[in-house]
């Protein structure tokens, strides 16, 4: 396993067997035989296994999840929602929002996932590691203060950030969400907060279909602190790199955060069943390297990644492992020959309609004149 030129970096790594025990559920009924939920443990468990098998895990500093208290959740979620969640979790499970069914014991597992996000980010802020990766489940970026949504039961990253703020470890935070679905949770939670920059690069009107638009830029008190880049379906490396050049990097540089958090959904990968984007494992690694360089310019390298979506058991492991290798500053030596042609597809080139969307975002959020 070879190191890159300016590496290796120390990387904290959070994972816990219990993350794979949460079972999403679907309602019975309808006109077709019920299928299995799309959100299952398999993609992330296979990612964990590849990280171990490849030797990447041995290069990391293992970090246990923080044991959160209910008061940590109450900084983000309503008391009524948490009470309902605890009650259903103690029984047979249930559903507290659209596409967000859960089984028994989900409350404690979701709290452990938020605790994993906190532990990973805290290690960076305390200077214990350079960067970190929290391989947590269930995901969190759709969860809102008073309801679950889209397989997300607790808002993992906001819960972590608010605890870090309460501990005096950080004030200004930038969240970059590259999940294929809109990061509606952070947008809602931080709509009025000028100390949190939320950027979501997602497939236009995929889920939720009623949010994630260019003109949603934050309240008057936090104008331009929320940035949405709703790319057309079929966007690949060229569109994402152009979005980084024109919007992501200049927006974060202008904001000048103390910490950058990537909400890393791997469902924007080219083989994911829940999206229609074209990112390859190499593209995920290259975008991660850009984020590392950006963090070194604006916040002394403080960067943490929190796992979000990703539903392809075949491809998620390779995308996630290459991201971790980029964080560590090493070549993974993982055999990816089967997927290496993805970057050669014509859809990877920037198209005029994709460029137009990014240019409009840059104009709306004040990064270029009209």
Protein backbone atom coordinates (compact mmCIF):
# COMPACT_ATOMS: atom_id res chain seq x y z
CA UNK A 1 0.00 0.00 0.00
CA UNK A 2 1.71 3.17 -1.24
CA UNK A 3 1.49 6.63 0.27
CA UNK A 4 0.65 9.74 -1.72
CA UNK A 5 3.17 12.56 -1.86
CA UNK A 6 1.98 14.65 1.09
CA UNK A 7 0.84 11.83 3.34
CA UNK A 8 0.05 9.70 5.22
CA UNK A 9 -2.47 11.46 7.45
CA UNK A 10 -3.78 10.19 10.75
CA UNK A 11 -7.41 9.21 10.30
CA UNK A 12 -9.94 8.35 12.97
CA UNK A 13 -12.40 5.59 12.09
CA UNK A 14 -15.71 4.87 13.80
CA UNK A 15 -17.73 1.72 13.15
CA UNK A 16 -19.77 -0.50 15.44
CA UNK A 17 -21.36 -3.90 14.84
CA UNK A 18 -24.64 -2.62 16.27
CA UNK A 19 -25.05 -0.21 13.36
CA UNK A 20 -25.94 -3.20 11.20
CA UNK A 21 -28.68 -4.44 13.53
CA UNK A 22 -31.24 -1.73 12.75
CA UNK A 23 -33.91 -3.14 10.44
CA UNK A 24 -35.87 -0.83 8.17
CA UNK A 25 -39.42 -2.06 7.57
CA UNK A 26 -42.09 -1.68 4.90
CA UNK A 27 -45.85 -1.66 5.32
CA UNK A 28 -47.71 -4.71 4.05
CA UNK A 29 -50.45 -4.32 1.47
CA UNK A 30 -50.87 -2.88 -1.99
CA UNK A 31 -51.23 -4.74 -5.25
CA UNK A 32 -47.81 -6.40 -5.40
CA UNK A 33 -45.94 -8.83 -3.22
CA UNK A 34 -44.06 -6.84 -0.54
CA UNK A 35 -40.37 -6.47 -1.30
CA UNK A 36 -37.38 -5.98 0.94
CA UNK A 37 -36.53 -2.46 2.10
CA UNK A 38 -33.95 -0.69 -0.02
CA UNK A 39 -32.05 0.48 3.07
CA UNK A 40 -30.41 -2.66 4.46
CA UNK A 41 -27.22 -3.37 6.42
CA UNK A 42 -25.55 -5.07 3.44
CA UNK A 43 -23.87 -2.15 1.59
CA UNK A 44 -22.27 -0.71 4.72
CA UNK A 45 -21.38 -4.07 6.22
CA UNK A 46 -19.66 -5.00 2.96
CA UNK A 47 -17.87 -1.63 3.07
CA UNK A 48 -16.69 -2.36 6.62
CA UNK A 49 -15.48 -5.79 5.51
CA UNK A 50 -13.59 -4.37 2.51
CA UNK A 51 -11.93 -1.78 4.74
CA UNK A 52 -10.78 -4.60 7.03
CA UNK A 53 -9.79 -7.03 4.26
CA UNK A 54 -7.83 -4.42 2.28
CA UNK A 55 -5.72 -3.44 5.27
CA UNK A 56 -7.04 0.13 5.35
CA UNK A 57 -8.53 -0.38 8.82
CA UNK A 58 -5.08 -1.15 10.24
CA UNK A 59 -3.91 2.32 9.15
CA UNK A 60 -6.67 4.11 11.05
CA UNK A 61 -7.12 5.09 14.68
CA UNK A 62 -10.23 3.27 15.89
CA UNK A 63 -12.58 5.50 17.87
CA UNK A 64 -15.58 4.25 19.88
CA UNK A 65 -18.91 6.07 19.50
CA UNK A 66 -19.81 8.64 22.12
CA UNK A 67 -22.48 7.48 24.57
CA UNK A 68 -24.95 10.33 24.06
CA UNK A 69 -27.49 11.50 26.61
CA UNK A 70 -31.06 12.44 25.74
CA UNK A 71 -30.16 16.10 26.33
CA UNK A 72 -27.74 15.85 23.40
CA UNK A 73 -30.62 14.85 21.12
CA UNK A 74 -32.89 17.58 22.50
CA UNK A 75 -30.61 20.27 21.09
CA UNK A 76 -31.91 19.25 17.66
CA UNK A 77 -35.06 17.13 18.06
CA UNK A 78 -38.35 17.86 19.81
CA UNK A 79 -39.15 16.15 23.11
CA UNK A 80 -42.41 14.79 21.65
CA UNK A 81 -40.65 13.16 18.70
CA UNK A 82 -38.03 11.54 20.92
CA UNK A 83 -40.70 10.28 23.32
CA UNK A 84 -42.68 8.70 20.47
CA UNK A 85 -39.49 7.21 19.01
CA UNK A 86 -38.44 5.68 22.33
CA UNK A 87 -41.90 4.22 22.93
CA UNK A 88 -42.19 2.56 19.51
CA UNK A 89 -38.59 1.38 19.64
CA UNK A 90 -39.21 -0.31 22.99
CA UNK A 91 -42.07 -2.25 21.39
CA UNK A 92 -42.30 -3.69 17.90
CA UNK A 93 -41.03 -0.64 16.04
CA UNK A 94 -43.07 1.60 13.78
CA UNK A 95 -42.88 4.62 11.53
CA UNK A 96 -42.65 8.32 12.41
CA UNK A 97 -42.30 9.80 8.94
CA UNK A 98 -42.33 8.99 5.24
CA UNK A 99 -40.14 6.07 4.16
CA UNK A 100 -38.72 5.73 7.67
CA UNK A 101 -39.99 2.52 9.22
CA UNK A 102 -37.85 0.97 11.94
CA UNK A 103 -37.71 -2.16 14.07
CA UNK A 104 -37.34 -2.83 17.79
CA UNK A 105 -34.32 -1.23 19.43
CA UNK A 106 -33.86 1.39 16.72
CA UNK A 107 -33.75 4.31 19.16
CA UNK A 108 -30.57 3.12 20.87
CA UNK A 109 -28.92 2.23 17.55
CA UNK A 110 -29.79 5.61 16.03
CA UNK A 111 -28.43 7.35 19.13
CA UNK A 112 -25.24 5.30 18.74
CA UNK A 113 -24.96 6.47 15.12
CA UNK A 114 -25.20 10.11 16.17
CA UNK A 115 -22.65 9.33 18.88
CA UNK A 116 -20.34 7.91 16.23
CA UNK A 117 -20.56 11.14 14.24
CA UNK A 118 -19.76 13.12 17.38
CA UNK A 119 -16.79 10.95 18.34
CA UNK A 120 -15.26 11.18 14.87
CA UNK A 121 -15.59 14.96 14.64
CA UNK A 122 -14.50 15.55 18.24
CA UNK A 123 -11.28 13.62 17.61
CA UNK A 124 -10.44 15.99 14.75
CA UNK A 125 -11.23 19.12 16.76
CA UNK A 126 -9.20 17.92 19.74
CA UNK A 127 -6.22 17.30 17.50
CA UNK A 128 -6.16 13.57 18.18
CA UNK A 129 -6.31 12.82 14.43
CA UNK A 130 -6.01 14.87 11.25
CA UNK A 131 -9.24 13.66 9.63
CA UNK A 132 -11.95 11.11 10.39
CA UNK A 133 -14.53 8.76 8.88
CA UNK A 134 -17.69 7.73 10.74
CA UNK A 135 -19.17 4.63 9.09
CA UNK A 136 -22.51 4.92 10.86
CA UNK A 137 -26.02 3.61 10.27
CA UNK A 138 -28.90 4.46 10.15
CA UNK A 139 -28.22 7.55 8.04
CA UNK A 140 -29.37 10.95 9.26
CA UNK A 141 -29.47 13.72 6.67
CA UNK A 142 -33.24 13.57 6.01
CA UNK A 143 -34.27 13.54 9.69
CA UNK A 144 -36.03 16.71 10.84
CA UNK A 145 -36.55 18.02 14.38
CA UNK A 146 -40.00 16.47 14.75
CA UNK A 147 -40.06 13.56 12.31
CA UNK A 148 -38.06 10.82 10.64
CA UNK A 149 -37.75 10.80 6.86
CA UNK A 150 -36.12 8.72 4.16
CA UNK A 151 -34.64 5.98 6.39
CA UNK A 152 -33.16 8.66 8.66
CA UNK A 153 -34.25 8.52 12.31
CA UNK A 154 -31.98 11.07 14.01
CA UNK A 155 -30.07 13.98 12.47
CA UNK A 156 -26.65 12.47 13.13
CA UNK A 157 -24.44 15.33 11.96
CA UNK A 158 -26.45 18.21 13.49
CA UNK A 159 -26.71 16.31 16.80
CA UNK A 160 -22.93 15.88 16.72
CA UNK A 161 -22.29 19.52 15.81
CA UNK A 162 -24.56 20.89 18.53
CA UNK A 163 -22.86 18.75 21.17
CA UNK A 164 -19.47 19.94 19.92
CA UNK A 165 -20.67 23.52 20.22
CA UNK A 166 -21.97 22.89 23.74
CA UNK A 167 -18.53 21.52 24.60
CA UNK A 168 -16.88 24.67 23.26
CA UNK A 169 -14.97 22.80 20.56
CA UNK A 170 -16.30 24.65 17.51
CA UNK A 171 -18.54 27.50 16.36
CA UNK A 172 -18.50 27.86 12.56
CA UNK A 173 -19.13 24.64 10.63
CA UNK A 174 -19.58 23.90 6.92
CA UNK A 175 -21.58 20.81 5.93
CA UNK A 176 -21.11 19.50 2.38
CA UNK A 177 -23.68 16.85 1.45
CA UNK A 178 -23.03 14.89 -1.75
CA UNK A 179 -25.73 12.26 -1.21
CA UNK A 180 -27.88 11.89 -4.34
CA UNK A 181 -30.89 13.08 -2.32
CA UNK A 182 -31.33 16.60 -0.98
CA UNK A 183 -29.97 17.26 2.51
CA UNK A 184 -33.29 18.63 3.74
CA UNK A 185 -32.58 17.94 7.41
CA UNK A 186 -29.57 20.21 7.79
CA UNK A 187 -31.26 22.85 5.62
CA UNK A 188 -34.27 22.98 7.95
CA UNK A 189 -32.28 22.75 11.19
CA UNK A 190 -29.81 25.49 10.22
CA UNK A 191 -32.07 27.73 8.13
CA UNK A 192 -31.70 30.61 10.62
CA UNK A 193 -28.11 29.92 11.70
CA UNK A 194 -25.41 32.16 10.19
CA UNK A 195 -22.69 30.04 11.82
CA UNK A 196 -23.52 26.92 9.79
CA UNK A 197 -23.04 26.72 6.03
CA UNK A 198 -25.03 23.90 4.45
CA UNK A 199 -24.26 22.86 0.86
CA UNK A 200 -26.17 20.07 -0.85
CA UNK A 201 -25.20 18.67 -4.27
CA UNK A 202 -28.02 16.35 -5.28
CA UNK A 203 -30.12 15.04 -8.13
CA UNK A 204 -32.80 17.58 -8.91
CA UNK A 205 -36.22 16.82 -7.33
CA UNK A 206 -35.42 13.21 -6.49
CA UNK A 207 -36.20 13.14 -2.74
CA UNK A 208 -37.68 15.09 -1.15
CA UNK A 209 -39.18 16.40 -4.36
CA UNK A 210 -40.40 19.63 -2.76
CA UNK A 211 -37.06 20.94 -1.49
CA UNK A 212 -33.48 21.45 -2.59
CA UNK A 213 -34.09 24.31 -5.01
CA UNK A 214 -31.56 26.97 -5.97
CA UNK A 215 -33.49 29.84 -4.39
CA UNK A 216 -33.55 28.24 -0.91
CA UNK A 217 -30.64 30.22 0.54
CA UNK A 218 -31.46 30.60 4.24
CA UNK A 219 -33.46 33.12 6.25
CA UNK A 220 -32.80 36.86 6.33
CA UNK A 221 -30.67 36.28 9.45
CA UNK A 222 -28.58 33.67 7.63
CA UNK A 223 -28.74 34.73 3.99
CA UNK A 224 -26.59 32.63 1.64
CA UNK A 225 -25.73 30.17 4.40
CA UNK A 226 -27.75 27.47 2.60
CA UNK A 227 -26.62 26.46 -0.88
CA UNK A 228 -28.41 23.94 -3.09
CA UNK A 229 -26.90 22.57 -6.29
CA UNK A 230 -29.70 20.50 -7.89
CA UNK A 231 -27.90 18.77 -10.75
CA UNK A 232 -29.84 17.09 -13.56
CA UNK A 233 -30.09 13.30 -13.57
CA UNK A 234 -27.14 11.76 -15.39
CA UNK A 235 -24.54 14.17 -14.04
CA UNK A 236 -21.07 12.73 -13.59
CA UNK A 237 -17.52 13.73 -12.77
CA UNK A 238 -17.50 16.81 -15.02
CA UNK A 239 -20.61 18.33 -13.45
CA UNK A 240 -19.47 17.66 -9.89
CA UNK A 241 -15.98 19.05 -10.51
CA UNK A 242 -17.46 22.17 -12.10
CA UNK A 243 -19.79 22.56 -9.09
CA UNK A 244 -16.76 22.33 -6.80
CA UNK A 245 -14.83 24.93 -8.81
CA UNK A 246 -17.64 27.43 -9.18
CA UNK A 247 -19.66 27.01 -5.96
CA UNK A 248 -18.47 24.57 -3.29
CA UNK A 249 -14.90 25.74 -2.86
CA UNK A 250 -15.52 29.51 -3.16
CA UNK A 251 -18.59 29.31 -0.87
CA UNK A 252 -16.65 27.49 1.85
CA UNK A 253 -13.66 29.82 1.45
CA UNK A 254 -15.96 32.83 1.81
CA UNK A 255 -17.63 31.32 4.89
CA UNK A 256 -14.28 30.46 6.56
CA UNK A 257 -15.39 27.57 8.81
CA UNK A 258 -13.47 26.00 11.67
CA UNK A 259 -14.53 22.50 10.55
CA UNK A 260 -15.77 20.91 7.32
CA UNK A 261 -18.10 17.91 7.54
CA UNK A 262 -18.91 15.81 4.48
CA UNK A 263 -22.28 14.06 4.59
CA UNK A 264 -21.14 11.24 2.34
CA UNK A 265 -23.98 9.53 0.55
CA UNK A 266 -22.65 6.99 -1.92
CA UNK A 267 -25.95 6.75 -3.78
CA UNK A 268 -24.64 9.35 -6.22
CA UNK A 269 -22.46 6.52 -7.49
CA UNK A 270 -22.97 5.23 -11.02
CA UNK A 271 -24.43 1.86 -10.02
CA UNK A 272 -26.83 2.87 -7.27
CA UNK A 273 -30.48 1.79 -7.57
CA UNK A 274 -31.80 4.90 -5.78
CA UNK A 275 -30.33 7.56 -8.04
CA UNK A 276 -29.37 8.32 -11.61
CA UNK A 277 -25.99 9.97 -11.17
CA UNK A 278 -22.67 8.82 -12.61
CA UNK A 279 -19.92 9.26 -10.00
CA UNK A 280 -17.23 6.58 -10.01
CA UNK A 281 -15.13 5.37 -7.10
CA UNK A 282 -12.20 7.33 -8.55
CA UNK A 283 -14.36 10.47 -8.67
CA UNK A 284 -15.36 10.07 -5.01
CA UNK A 285 -11.67 9.75 -4.11
CA UNK A 286 -10.72 12.82 -6.14
CA UNK A 287 -13.53 14.91 -4.64
CA UNK A 288 -12.33 13.83 -1.20
CA UNK A 289 -8.81 14.99 -2.04
CA UNK A 290 -10.22 18.35 -3.12
CA UNK A 291 -11.99 18.62 0.23
CA UNK A 292 -8.77 17.78 2.07
CA UNK A 293 -6.93 20.54 0.19
CA UNK A 294 -9.80 22.94 0.85
CA UNK A 295 -9.77 22.15 4.57
CA UNK A 296 -6.02 22.74 4.67
CA UNK A 297 -6.58 26.19 3.13
CA UNK A 298 -9.45 27.33 5.33
CA UNK A 299 -9.54 25.43 8.64
CA UNK A 300 -6.13 23.91 9.37
CA UNK A 301 -7.13 20.65 7.69
CA UNK A 302 -10.02 19.87 10.03
CA UNK A 303 -12.26 17.54 8.02
CA UNK A 304 -14.63 14.75 9.01
CA UNK A 305 -16.80 12.42 6.93
CA UNK A 306 -20.11 11.00 8.18
CA UNK A 307 -21.71 8.16 6.22
CA UNK A 308 -25.15 8.79 4.74
CA UNK A 309 -26.92 6.85 1.96
CA UNK A 310 -25.71 4.27 -0.53
CA UNK A 311 -27.78 1.26 -1.58
CA UNK A 312 -25.70 -0.82 -4.00
CA UNK A 313 -24.18 -3.78 -2.13
CA UNK A 314 -21.89 -4.24 -5.14
CA UNK A 315 -20.51 -0.72 -5.56
CA UNK A 316 -20.83 1.10 -2.22
CA UNK A 317 -17.88 -0.83 -0.68
CA UNK A 318 -15.47 0.28 -3.42
CA UNK A 319 -16.59 3.92 -3.31
CA UNK A 320 -16.34 4.14 0.47
CA UNK A 321 -12.99 2.36 0.64
CA UNK A 322 -11.46 4.71 -1.94
CA UNK A 323 -12.73 7.69 0.07
CA UNK A 324 -11.05 6.32 3.19
CA UNK A 325 -7.83 5.68 1.27
CA UNK A 326 -7.89 9.30 0.07
CA UNK A 327 -8.36 10.49 3.66
CA UNK A 328 -5.39 8.40 4.75
CA UNK A 329 -3.31 9.58 1.81
CA UNK A 330 -2.57 6.11 0.47
CA UNK A 331 -3.31 4.06 -2.64
CA UNK A 332 -5.74 1.35 -1.59
CA UNK A 333 -4.39 -1.38 -3.92
CA UNK A 334 -7.99 -2.69 -4.11
CA UNK A 335 -8.79 -4.45 -7.38
CA UNK A 336 -11.35 -2.20 -9.08
CA UNK A 337 -10.81 -3.34 -12.69
CA UNK A 338 -14.49 -4.22 -13.12
CA UNK A 339 -15.49 -0.57 -12.53
CA UNK A 340 -12.55 1.34 -13.98
CA UNK A 341 -14.26 2.08 -17.31
CA UNK A 342 -16.98 4.14 -15.63
CA UNK A 343 -14.90 7.30 -15.93
CA UNK A 344 -14.63 6.76 -19.69
CA UNK A 345 -18.38 6.98 -20.30
CA UNK A 346 -19.50 10.06 -22.27
CA UNK A 347 -21.86 11.09 -19.45
CA UNK A 348 -18.83 12.01 -17.34
CA UNK A 349 -18.25 15.14 -19.42
CA UNK A 350 -19.77 18.45 -18.34
CA UNK A 351 -22.84 19.21 -20.47
CA UNK A 352 -24.26 22.68 -21.20
CA UNK A 353 -27.47 22.09 -19.21
CA UNK A 354 -25.44 20.99 -16.18
CA UNK A 355 -23.13 23.98 -16.51
CA UNK A 356 -26.16 26.28 -16.65
CA UNK A 357 -27.48 24.99 -13.31
CA UNK A 358 -24.15 25.50 -11.56
CA UNK A 359 -23.76 28.99 -13.04
CA UNK A 360 -27.20 29.95 -11.78
CA UNK A 361 -26.38 28.70 -8.28
CA UNK A 362 -23.16 30.72 -8.26
CA UNK A 363 -25.11 33.82 -9.25
CA UNK A 364 -27.93 33.32 -6.71
CA UNK A 365 -25.55 32.86 -3.77
CA UNK A 366 -23.41 35.84 -4.76
CA UNK A 367 -20.34 34.06 -6.07
CA UNK A 368 -20.53 35.67 -9.51
CA UNK A 369 -22.18 38.76 -10.92
CA UNK A 370 -25.15 38.54 -13.28
